[in-house]
Amino acid sequence: MSERLIRLLIFIQVVIIFYLGFLVIKEKIKNKPFKEEFKIYKNYIEKLEKENKELREKLEYLSDAENLKKEMKEKFNLVEPGEKVIILPENF
């Protein structure tokens, strides 16, 4: 092979390498918004999973009749017959 042909092949290889590098960078730039959007949805899913766990724990807690009665008394100011309510001022 002549030296001229070898130089031409090396030049072609260098051009191909640069072109492939350009394509890789172009795809990375193109996919960057998708990666950011993926992170947003991943965080949202983690938040929903945490909320789901808390709700399951609350449901399990309220499944017990005593705990349900206690919560209803606190939230709705309910009293059972014979009970007395004492209201204290905040600065007591």
Protein backbone atom coordinates (compact mmCIF):
# COMPACT_ATOMS: atom_id res chain seq x y z
CA MET A 1 0.00 0.00 0.00
CA SER A 2 1.14 3.41 -0.71
CA GLU A 3 1.73 5.93 2.01
CA ARG A 4 -0.86 8.19 0.44
CA LEU A 5 -3.56 5.50 0.77
CA ILE A 6 -2.62 4.86 4.41
CA ARG A 7 -2.91 8.57 5.21
CA LEU A 8 -6.29 8.69 3.47
CA LEU A 9 -7.55 5.72 5.53
CA ILE A 10 -6.30 7.30 8.76
CA PHE A 11 -8.02 10.57 7.84
CA ILE A 12 -11.27 8.70 7.13
CA GLN A 13 -11.02 6.91 10.49
CA VAL A 14 -10.45 10.20 12.32
CA VAL A 15 -13.46 11.76 10.56
CA ILE A 16 -15.61 8.75 11.46
CA ILE A 17 -14.47 8.92 15.12
CA PHE A 18 -15.32 12.63 15.32
CA TYR A 19 -18.69 12.02 13.67
CA LEU A 20 -19.53 9.23 16.10
CA GLY A 21 -18.48 11.44 19.02
CA PHE A 22 -20.72 14.19 17.67
CA LEU A 23 -23.65 11.75 17.47
CA VAL A 24 -23.07 10.55 21.06
CA ILE A 25 -22.95 14.13 22.40
CA LYS A 26 -26.04 15.05 20.39
CA GLU A 27 -27.98 12.12 21.91
CA LYS A 28 -26.83 13.00 25.45
CA ILE A 29 -28.03 16.58 25.00
CA LYS A 30 -31.30 15.33 23.52
CA ASN A 31 -31.90 12.96 26.47
CA LYS A 32 -31.03 15.44 29.23
CA PRO A 33 -34.61 16.78 29.57
CA PHE A 34 -35.87 13.19 29.84
CA LYS A 35 -33.43 12.46 32.66
CA GLU A 36 -34.58 15.57 34.54
CA GLU A 37 -38.22 14.66 33.99
CA PHE A 38 -37.46 11.11 35.18
CA LYS A 39 -35.98 12.51 38.41
CA ILE A 40 -39.11 14.62 38.97
CA TYR A 41 -41.41 11.63 38.51
CA LYS A 42 -39.17 9.42 40.64
CA ASN A 43 -39.32 11.94 43.50
CA TYR A 44 -43.09 12.20 43.06
CA ILE A 45 -43.45 8.40 43.22
CA GLU A 46 -41.29 8.25 46.36
CA LYS A 47 -43.47 10.94 47.95
CA LEU A 48 -46.63 9.02 47.07
CA GLU A 49 -45.17 5.77 48.41
CA LYS A 50 -44.33 7.49 51.70
CA GLU A 51 -47.82 8.98 51.91
CA ASN A 52 -49.31 5.57 51.09
CA LYS A 53 -47.29 3.98 53.91
CA GLU A 54 -48.45 6.65 56.37
CA LEU A 55 -52.07 6.15 55.34
CA ARG A 56 -51.79 2.38 55.74
CA GLU A 57 -50.35 2.86 59.23
CA LYS A 58 -53.16 5.28 60.11
CA LEU A 59 -55.74 2.82 58.77
CA GLU A 60 -54.22 0.02 60.82
CA TYR A 61 -54.19 2.28 63.90
CA LEU A 62 -57.84 3.27 63.40
CA SER A 63 -58.88 -0.35 62.83
CA ASP A 64 -58.66 -0.80 66.59
CA ALA A 65 -61.97 0.32 68.16
CA GLU A 66 -60.25 1.97 71.16
CA ASN A 67 -57.97 4.05 68.93
CA LEU A 68 -60.92 5.06 66.74
CA LYS A 69 -62.91 6.15 69.78
CA LYS A 70 -59.92 8.13 71.08
CA GLU A 71 -59.46 9.92 67.73
CA MET A 72 -63.16 10.75 67.45
CA LYS A 73 -63.15 12.22 70.95
CA GLU A 74 -60.14 14.40 70.16
CA LYS A 75 -61.25 15.58 66.72
CA PHE A 76 -64.95 16.10 67.36
CA ASN A 77 -64.93 16.93 71.08
CA LEU A 78 -67.12 13.96 71.87
CA VAL A 79 -67.68 12.61 75.38
CA GLU A 80 -69.15 9.40 76.64
CA PRO A 81 -72.03 9.43 79.08
CA GLY A 82 -70.74 10.16 82.56
CA GLU A 83 -67.48 11.77 81.36
CA LYS A 84 -66.65 15.36 82.17
CA VAL A 85 -64.60 17.73 80.05
CA ILE A 86 -62.14 20.14 81.57
CA ILE A 87 -61.12 23.10 79.41
CA LEU A 88 -57.87 24.75 80.37
CA PRO A 89 -56.69 28.10 79.05
CA GLU A 90 -53.62 28.02 76.79
CA ASN A 91 -51.47 30.09 79.16
CA PHE A 92 -52.20 27.89 82.18
